[in-house]
């Protein structure tokens, strides 16, 4: 099996990291909102 095929099956760590970061940012903005708005 060529390394390229292997690479396509698993997203690079940077992509996973960016995805997690986006989720965290969404959570933080949600929590930072004042209650009752």
PDB file of N, CA and C in Angstrom:
ATOM      1  N   UNK A   1       0.846  -1.198   0.000  1.00  0.00           N
ATOM      2  CA  UNK A   1       0.000   0.000   0.000  1.00  0.00           C
ATOM      3  C   UNK A   1       0.882   1.248   0.000  1.00  0.00           C
ATOM      4  N   UNK A   2       0.519   2.203  -0.833  1.00  0.00           N
ATOM      5  CA  UNK A   2       1.345   3.407  -0.925  1.00  0.00           C
ATOM      6  C   UNK A   2       1.024   4.350   0.224  1.00  0.00           C
ATOM      7  N   UNK A   3       2.006   5.126   0.650  1.00  0.00           N
ATOM      8  CA  UNK A   3       1.806   6.071   1.761  1.00  0.00           C
ATOM      9  C   UNK A   3       0.701   7.075   1.465  1.00  0.00           C
ATOM     10  N   UNK A   4       0.500   7.388   0.184  1.00  0.00           N
ATOM     11  CA  UNK A   4      -0.521   8.375  -0.163  1.00  0.00           C
ATOM     12  C   UNK A   4      -1.916   7.864   0.191  1.00  0.00           C
ATOM     13  N   UNK A   5      -2.177   6.594  -0.117  1.00  0.00           N
ATOM     14  CA  UNK A   5      -3.482   6.024   0.214  1.00  0.00           C
ATOM     15  C   UNK A   5      -3.692   6.017   1.718  1.00  0.00           C
ATOM     16  N   UNK A   6      -2.640   5.673   2.432  1.00  0.00           N
ATOM     17  CA  UNK A   6      -2.713   5.637   3.885  1.00  0.00           C
ATOM     18  C   UNK A   6      -3.023   7.030   4.428  1.00  0.00           C
ATOM     19  N   UNK A   7      -2.468   8.031   3.793  1.00  0.00           N
ATOM     20  CA  UNK A   7      -2.637   9.410   4.243  1.00  0.00           C
ATOM     21  C   UNK A   7      -4.086   9.861   4.041  1.00  0.00           C
ATOM     22  N   UNK A   8      -4.714   9.352   2.994  1.00  0.00           N
ATOM     23  CA  UNK A   8      -6.079   9.777   2.690  1.00  0.00           C
ATOM     24  C   UNK A   8      -7.079   9.216   3.699  1.00  0.00           C
ATOM     25  N   UNK A   9      -6.773   8.081   4.272  1.00  0.00           N
ATOM     26  CA  UNK A   9      -7.727   7.452   5.176  1.00  0.00           C
ATOM     27  C   UNK A   9      -7.756   8.142   6.533  1.00  0.00           C
ATOM     28  N   UNK A  10      -6.612   8.623   6.972  1.00  0.00           N
ATOM     29  CA  UNK A  10      -6.564   9.303   8.274  1.00  0.00           C
ATOM     30  C   UNK A  10      -6.237  10.766   8.080  1.00  0.00           C
ATOM     31  N   UNK A  11      -7.108  11.668   8.513  1.00  0.00           N
ATOM     32  CA  UNK A  11      -6.801  13.092   8.391  1.00  0.00           C
ATOM     33  C   UNK A  11      -5.578  13.441   9.219  1.00  0.00           C
ATOM     34  N   UNK A  12      -4.748  14.347   8.731  1.00  0.00           N
ATOM     35  CA  UNK A  12      -3.560  14.752   9.479  1.00  0.00           C
ATOM     36  C   UNK A  12      -3.940  15.367  10.818  1.00  0.00           C
ATOM     37  N   UNK A  13      -3.013  15.315  11.751  1.00  0.00           N
ATOM     38  CA  UNK A  13      -3.280  15.819  13.098  1.00  0.00           C
ATOM     39  C   UNK A  13      -3.686  17.288  13.060  1.00  0.00           C
ATOM     40  N   UNK A  14      -3.111  18.034  12.136  1.00  0.00           N
ATOM     41  CA  UNK A  14      -3.410  19.465  12.058  1.00  0.00           C
ATOM     42  C   UNK A  14      -4.892  19.687  11.775  1.00  0.00           C
ATOM     43  N   UNK A  15      -5.462  18.830  10.930  1.00  0.00           N
ATOM     44  CA  UNK A  15      -6.881  18.977  10.598  1.00  0.00           C
ATOM     45  C   UNK A  15      -7.735  18.670  11.817  1.00  0.00           C
ATOM     46  N   UNK A  16      -7.391  17.584  12.509  1.00  0.00           N
ATOM     47  CA  UNK A  16      -8.148  17.224  13.710  1.00  0.00           C
ATOM     48  C   UNK A  16      -8.034  18.324  14.755  1.00  0.00           C
ATOM     49  N   UNK A  17      -6.836  18.882  14.883  1.00  0.00           N
ATOM     50  CA  UNK A  17      -6.597  19.939  15.866  1.00  0.00           C
ATOM     51  C   UNK A  17      -7.443  21.165  15.540  1.00  0.00           C
ATOM     52  N   UNK A  18      -7.468  21.535  14.272  1.00  0.00           N
ATOM     53  CA  UNK A  18      -8.244  22.704  13.858  1.00  0.00           C
ATOM     54  C   UNK A  18      -9.729  22.473  14.127  1.00  0.00           C
ATOM     55  N   UNK A  19     -10.173  21.235  13.903  1.00  0.00           N
ATOM     56  CA  UNK A  19     -11.576  20.915  14.130  1.00  0.00           C
ATOM     57  C   UNK A  19     -11.929  21.051  15.607  1.00  0.00           C
ATOM     58  N   UNK A  20     -11.068  20.511  16.457  1.00  0.00           N
ATOM     59  CA  UNK A  20     -11.298  20.610  17.903  1.00  0.00           C
ATOM     60  C   UNK A  20     -11.275  22.067  18.350  1.00  0.00           C
ATOM     61  N   UNK A  21     -10.360  22.842  17.766  1.00  0.00           N
ATOM     62  CA  UNK A  21     -10.239  24.248  18.118  1.00  0.00           C
ATOM     63  C   UNK A  21     -11.527  24.991  17.764  1.00  0.00           C
ATOM     64  N   UNK A  22     -12.088  24.666  16.620  1.00  0.00           N
ATOM     65  CA  UNK A  22     -13.327  25.312  16.195  1.00  0.00           C
ATOM     66  C   UNK A  22     -14.458  24.980  17.164  1.00  0.00           C
ATOM     67  N   UNK A  23     -14.509  23.724  17.599  1.00  0.00           N
ATOM     68  CA  UNK A  23     -15.549  23.322  18.554  1.00  0.00           C
ATOM     69  C   UNK A  23     -15.386  24.075  19.862  1.00  0.00           C
ATOM     70  N   UNK A  24     -14.135  24.184  20.318  1.00  0.00           N
ATOM     71  CA  UNK A  24     -13.863  24.889  21.571  1.00  0.00           C
ATOM     72  C   UNK A  24     -14.283  26.346  21.471  1.00  0.00           C
ATOM     73  N   UNK A  25     -13.952  26.974  20.351  1.00  0.00           N
ATOM     74  CA  UNK A  25     -14.300  28.389  20.175  1.00  0.00           C
ATOM     75  C   UNK A  25     -15.805  28.570  20.231  1.00  0.00           C
ATOM     76  N   UNK A  26     -16.537  27.659  19.604  1.00  0.00           N
ATOM     77  CA  UNK A  26     -17.994  27.748  19.610  1.00  0.00           C
ATOM     78  C   UNK A  26     -18.520  27.624  21.032  1.00  0.00           C
ATOM     79  N   UNK A  27     -17.959  26.677  21.783  1.00  0.00           N
ATOM     80  CA  UNK A  27     -18.394  26.469  23.160  1.00  0.00           C
ATOM     81  C   UNK A  27     -18.116  27.705  24.002  1.00  0.00           C
ATOM     82  N   UNK A  28     -16.928  28.284  23.815  1.00  0.00           N
ATOM     83  CA  UNK A  28     -16.527  29.440  24.616  1.00  0.00           C
ATOM     84  C   UNK A  28     -17.428  30.636  24.313  1.00  0.00           C
ATOM     85  N   UNK A  29     -17.702  30.876  23.042  1.00  0.00           N
ATOM     86  CA  UNK A  29     -18.566  32.010  22.704  1.00  0.00           C
ATOM     87  C   UNK A  29     -19.961  31.772  23.255  1.00  0.00           C
ATOM     88  N   UNK A  30     -20.391  30.522  23.263  1.00  0.00           N
ATOM     89  CA  UNK A  30     -21.708  30.190  23.809  1.00  0.00           C
ATOM     90  C   UNK A  30     -21.742  30.460  25.313  1.00  0.00           C
ATOM     91  N   UNK A  31     -20.675  30.072  26.008  1.00  0.00           N
ATOM     92  CA  UNK A  31     -20.620  30.256  27.460  1.00  0.00           C
ATOM     93  C   UNK A  31     -20.417  31.722  27.827  1.00  0.00           C
ATOM     94  N   UNK A  32     -19.725  32.461  26.956  1.00  0.00           N
ATOM     95  CA  UNK A  32     -19.394  33.846  27.273  1.00  0.00           C
ATOM     96  C   UNK A  32     -20.605  34.762  27.127  1.00  0.00           C
ATOM     97  N   UNK A  33     -21.648  34.302  26.459  1.00  0.00           N
ATOM     98  CA  UNK A  33     -22.828  35.137  26.289  1.00  0.00           C
ATOM     99  C   UNK A  33     -23.493  35.398  27.636  1.00  0.00           C
ATOM    100  N   UNK A  34     -23.903  36.620  27.870  1.00  0.00           N
ATOM    101  CA  UNK A  34     -24.606  36.915  29.124  1.00  0.00           C
ATOM    102  C   UNK A  34     -25.923  36.149  29.189  1.00  0.00           C
ATOM    103  N   UNK A  35     -26.278  35.695  30.374  1.00  0.00           N
ATOM    104  CA  UNK A  35     -27.508  34.919  30.526  1.00  0.00           C
ATOM    105  C   UNK A  35     -28.716  35.824  30.328  1.00  0.00           C
ATOM    106  N   UNK A  36     -29.719  35.329  29.599  1.00  0.00           N
ATOM    107  CA  UNK A  36     -30.938  36.092  29.404  1.00  0.00           C
ATOM    108  C   UNK A  36     -30.931  36.921  28.135  1.00  0.00           C
ATOM    109  N   UNK A  37     -29.869  36.844  27.346  1.00  0.00           N
ATOM    110  CA  UNK A  37     -29.846  37.630  26.108  1.00  0.00           C
ATOM    111  C   UNK A  37     -30.505  36.842  24.989  1.00  0.00           C
TER     112      UNK A  37
END
